[in-house]
């Protein structure tokens, strides 16, 4: 496994073909919690969807158009979820940052750690200067992660997210290099 970045609790690695067997059970256990926010996470989710998504991740990484990172436990090696840097606008050095974590490990601060690691990677290795995190206003868990990572709420944008075929407003957070705690702090 190629580790891009890590701390003492989580490590981030690009998705590869072998990850499908890890992604599938993580998604299946989390349908009730994240399915309402992420339409791809549904009760009929199949392993073929994991394989297809991972193949797309590899193509996007190679094309440098998106960077999906697996979140692994640094202690157990279990796949915990994903954090993605996507919707890149290289001319403006910005991208979207999205994330999900398997239900059995939620509420432990692991997503916040992964978001901070991914953000630092985006700023230091991808030369980005701004990341945006968008969440439906009622998705308090996702908003809490953004805030704990140091992101600043800029607005609630109308019709910013489409889920299950319907447009919703979204809280739009920005994260810039100065928002991150210094390395080792």
Protein backbone atom coordinates (compact mmCIF):
# COMPACT_ATOMS: atom_id res chain seq x y z
CA UNK A 1 0.00 0.00 0.00
CA UNK A 2 1.31 3.42 -0.99
CA UNK A 3 0.84 5.78 1.97
CA UNK A 4 0.54 9.41 0.91
CA UNK A 5 0.33 10.87 4.40
CA UNK A 6 -0.47 9.70 7.92
CA UNK A 7 -0.55 10.46 11.61
CA UNK A 8 -0.66 8.13 14.60
CA UNK A 9 -4.33 7.14 14.03
CA UNK A 10 -5.09 7.34 10.30
CA UNK A 11 -3.23 6.94 7.05
CA UNK A 12 -4.28 7.99 3.57
CA UNK A 13 -3.59 5.94 0.48
CA UNK A 14 -4.75 6.17 -3.15
CA UNK A 15 -7.44 3.64 -3.98
CA UNK A 16 -6.36 0.57 -5.94
CA UNK A 17 -8.09 -2.52 -7.33
CA UNK A 18 -7.64 -4.48 -4.10
CA UNK A 19 -9.65 -1.86 -2.20
CA UNK A 20 -13.02 -2.97 -3.62
CA UNK A 21 -13.19 -5.79 -1.09
CA UNK A 22 -12.61 -3.23 1.69
CA UNK A 23 -14.89 -0.46 0.38
CA UNK A 24 -17.95 -2.65 -0.07
CA UNK A 25 -18.49 -3.65 3.60
CA UNK A 26 -17.66 -0.12 4.79
CA UNK A 27 -20.36 1.31 2.53
CA UNK A 28 -22.90 -1.40 3.34
CA UNK A 29 -22.59 -0.84 7.09
CA UNK A 30 -23.01 2.91 6.61
CA UNK A 31 -26.06 3.15 4.32
CA UNK A 32 -28.41 4.32 7.08
CA UNK A 33 -26.04 7.09 8.20
CA UNK A 34 -24.51 8.45 5.02
CA UNK A 35 -26.98 7.37 2.35
CA UNK A 36 -29.23 10.36 2.94
CA UNK A 37 -26.31 12.71 2.19
CA UNK A 38 -24.49 10.74 -0.51
CA UNK A 39 -26.86 9.28 -3.14
CA UNK A 40 -24.32 6.69 -4.34
CA UNK A 41 -24.58 5.05 -0.90
CA UNK A 42 -27.89 3.20 -1.18
CA UNK A 43 -29.44 0.03 0.22
CA UNK A 44 -28.84 -1.92 -3.01
CA UNK A 45 -25.16 -0.95 -3.22
CA UNK A 46 -23.23 -3.81 -4.85
CA UNK A 47 -19.57 -4.78 -4.93
CA UNK A 48 -19.55 -4.04 -8.67
CA UNK A 49 -20.18 -0.39 -7.77
CA UNK A 50 -17.07 -0.45 -5.56
CA UNK A 51 -15.01 -1.91 -8.39
CA UNK A 52 -16.31 0.60 -10.93
CA UNK A 53 -15.72 3.55 -8.59
CA UNK A 54 -12.18 2.42 -7.77
CA UNK A 55 -11.35 2.07 -11.47
CA UNK A 56 -12.64 5.62 -11.97
CA UNK A 57 -10.51 6.80 -9.03
CA UNK A 58 -7.40 5.33 -10.67
CA UNK A 59 -8.19 6.98 -14.03
CA UNK A 60 -8.81 10.34 -12.36
CA UNK A 61 -5.60 10.10 -10.30
CA UNK A 62 -3.57 9.32 -13.41
CA UNK A 63 -5.23 12.22 -15.26
CA UNK A 64 -4.62 14.46 -12.22
CA UNK A 65 -8.28 15.46 -12.26
CA UNK A 66 -9.28 14.08 -8.83
CA UNK A 67 -7.56 12.46 -5.87
CA UNK A 68 -9.62 9.96 -3.87
CA UNK A 69 -7.80 8.68 -0.81
CA UNK A 70 -8.69 5.67 1.29
CA UNK A 71 -8.72 6.38 5.01
CA UNK A 72 -7.17 3.47 6.92
CA UNK A 73 -6.75 2.91 10.62
CA UNK A 74 -3.04 3.22 11.38
CA UNK A 75 -3.44 0.68 14.18
CA UNK A 76 -5.74 -2.03 12.75
CA UNK A 77 -5.29 -1.51 9.00
CA UNK A 78 -9.08 -1.43 8.51
CA UNK A 79 -10.49 0.75 5.75
CA UNK A 80 -12.47 3.48 7.51
CA UNK A 81 -13.73 5.58 4.62
CA UNK A 82 -12.54 8.05 2.01
CA UNK A 83 -11.55 11.65 1.55
CA UNK A 84 -11.54 13.15 -1.91
CA UNK A 85 -9.99 16.19 -3.54
CA UNK A 86 -12.03 16.83 -6.67
CA UNK A 87 -13.66 19.45 -8.90
CA UNK A 88 -10.22 21.01 -9.34
CA UNK A 89 -9.91 24.45 -10.89
CA UNK A 90 -6.17 24.61 -11.44
CA UNK A 91 -6.23 28.19 -12.79
CA UNK A 92 -7.57 29.33 -9.42
CA UNK A 93 -5.72 26.65 -7.41
CA UNK A 94 -8.87 25.41 -5.70
CA UNK A 95 -10.79 22.17 -5.31
CA UNK A 96 -13.64 20.56 -3.44
CA UNK A 97 -12.92 18.36 -0.42
CA UNK A 98 -15.40 15.63 0.44
CA UNK A 99 -15.36 12.76 2.91
CA UNK A 100 -17.22 9.88 4.48
CA UNK A 101 -16.42 7.46 7.30
CA UNK A 102 -17.85 4.04 8.07
CA UNK A 103 -20.52 4.20 10.77
CA UNK A 104 -18.74 1.97 13.27
CA UNK A 105 -15.87 4.48 13.58
CA UNK A 106 -17.80 7.76 13.48
CA UNK A 107 -17.60 10.25 16.33
CA UNK A 108 -13.95 9.60 17.23
CA UNK A 109 -12.31 12.52 15.43
CA UNK A 110 -10.87 10.29 12.71
CA UNK A 111 -12.62 12.11 9.86
CA UNK A 112 -11.26 15.44 11.06
CA UNK A 113 -7.75 13.99 11.16
CA UNK A 114 -8.15 12.62 7.63
CA UNK A 115 -9.50 15.94 6.35
CA UNK A 116 -6.54 17.82 7.84
CA UNK A 117 -4.06 15.36 6.33
CA UNK A 118 -5.75 15.53 2.91
CA UNK A 119 -5.86 19.32 3.05
CA UNK A 120 -2.16 19.53 3.88
CA UNK A 121 -1.45 17.17 0.95
CA UNK A 122 -3.57 19.37 -1.35
CA UNK A 123 -1.75 22.53 -0.28
CA UNK A 124 1.79 21.15 -0.18
CA UNK A 125 1.82 18.57 -2.98
CA UNK A 126 -0.91 19.74 -5.37
CA UNK A 127 -0.11 23.45 -4.92
CA UNK A 128 -3.72 24.36 -4.15
CA UNK A 129 -4.53 27.44 -2.08
CA UNK A 130 -8.22 26.89 -1.33
CA UNK A 131 -10.44 23.92 -0.60
CA UNK A 132 -14.21 24.08 -0.39
CA UNK A 133 -16.33 21.78 1.73
CA UNK A 134 -20.06 21.80 0.99
CA UNK A 135 -22.74 20.17 3.10
CA UNK A 136 -26.50 20.33 3.36
CA UNK A 137 -27.19 22.61 6.34
CA UNK A 138 -28.84 19.77 8.29
CA UNK A 139 -25.79 17.49 7.88
CA UNK A 140 -24.42 18.50 11.26
CA UNK A 141 -21.78 15.75 11.40
CA UNK A 142 -20.16 16.87 8.14
CA UNK A 143 -20.35 20.51 9.17
CA UNK A 144 -18.76 19.72 12.53
CA UNK A 145 -15.85 17.99 10.76
CA UNK A 146 -15.32 21.04 8.53
CA UNK A 147 -15.34 23.37 11.54
CA UNK A 148 -13.02 21.19 13.62
CA UNK A 149 -10.60 21.04 10.68
CA UNK A 150 -10.41 24.84 10.76
CA UNK A 151 -12.65 25.63 7.78
CA UNK A 152 -14.64 28.86 7.76
CA UNK A 153 -18.33 29.05 6.89
CA UNK A 154 -18.66 31.53 4.03
CA UNK A 155 -22.32 31.23 3.09
CA UNK A 156 -25.32 29.03 2.66
CA UNK A 157 -25.65 28.84 -1.13
CA UNK A 158 -29.05 28.22 -2.69
CA UNK A 159 -29.50 25.10 -4.85
CA UNK A 160 -25.80 24.21 -4.39
CA UNK A 161 -26.19 20.42 -4.03
CA UNK A 162 -28.43 18.01 -5.94
CA UNK A 163 -29.31 14.84 -4.04
CA UNK A 164 -31.77 12.19 -5.13
CA UNK A 165 -32.80 14.46 -8.02
CA UNK A 166 -33.63 17.51 -5.90
CA UNK A 167 -31.66 20.73 -5.41
CA UNK A 168 -30.79 21.75 -1.85
CA UNK A 169 -28.98 24.67 -0.25
CA UNK A 170 -25.51 23.97 1.08
CA UNK A 171 -23.26 25.40 3.73
CA UNK A 172 -20.07 26.36 1.90
CA UNK A 173 -16.86 26.28 3.94
CA UNK A 174 -13.41 27.37 2.82
CA UNK A 175 -10.14 25.96 4.04
CA UNK A 176 -6.86 27.68 3.20
CA UNK A 177 -3.30 26.82 4.29
CA UNK A 178 -3.34 29.35 7.15
CA UNK A 179 -6.39 27.60 8.66
CA UNK A 180 -4.50 24.38 9.38
CA UNK A 181 -2.73 23.87 12.68
CA UNK A 182 1.06 23.84 12.28
CA UNK A 183 2.55 20.41 11.62
CA UNK A 184 3.01 18.56 14.90
CA UNK A 185 0.78 20.91 16.90
